[in-house]
Amino acid sequence: MGTNLTLLQKGLILIAVPALFQLIFFCVLLKMEWDEEEMGRMAVHTKEVIGQTETAYRYLLEASSYVRLLVIVGRDPVLTSTFNDALGKSAGEFKKLEHLVGDNPPQLAKVEAAAADAKRLEKWLTEVNGLTATDRRDEATARIKGLAGENLLGVVRKKLDDFHKEEERLDGLRQHALSGSWREQNWAIGIGLGLSVALALAVAMLFARDIVGRLGQLTENVHRLGDKKELTQPLTGRDEIARLDAVFRAMARALREREQENEMFIY
């Protein structure tokens, strides 16, 4: 360490260097934690999207089933109300699905395409329900047998399946990234702690070697001063040890001068 630094300054450096490293390490670790949380949120979001896809289709399928029941049993206020409720919920669930994937344009386009076909199916189902409500069951039955509704339902299912597959792929990527993030974080913690300890030890050893070496030289000069021997080379720097060495040297000069004066007085 620099000899121009005081012991207090050297001690502060001894504390500051490992502390600075630990602060940087903590910031890196915190960033990794934030990234991991974001990946976790995205993984949960993907699961939510997949669940929402099935919910939207389920209500559409229920509405289609209720229409067939209405064709069979005829006008039924309770069944009609249940049909209208399922139809309304299906439209609402598709809107929710569009909102969930609004930040993913390719997936949003797939949902919008499926929702457009779902609306055509809803219109067809409403028309069939209208026929049963006006006692035109034969026409309603003919519509059902024409399989137009089945075909539209199949188109919606196909588009939602394509959408679902892509979400499953994204979910796999996010789960893999999340797992990798956990491993990286564990490695970072281990390496960071190891480096922190190693750095602290290295700085402490450097500090100790510097101080011990200079104190050793100072101690030797004290012994030489007591034995009236020539002192070693002056210690460089402006720290407390160097100043103390300078004091000893001044004492040594004063002692030599006094001895010389005594010798001159004797002679």
Foldseek 3Di string as FASTA:
>chain_A
DDQQDAPVVLVVCLVPPLVVLVVVLVVVLVVLVVVLVVLVVVLVLLVVLLVLLVLLLVLLVVLVVLLVVCLVPFDDVVSVVSSVVSLVVSLVSLVVSLVSCVVPVVLNVLSVVLSVLSVVLSVLSVVLNVCSNVVNSVVSVVSVVVCPNVVSSVVSVVSSVVSSVVSVVVSVVSVVVSVVSVVVSVVSVVVSVVVSVVVSVVSVVVSCVVVVVLVVLLVVLVVCLVVLHDHDDQDDYDYPSSVVSVVSVVVSVVVVVVVVVVVVVVD
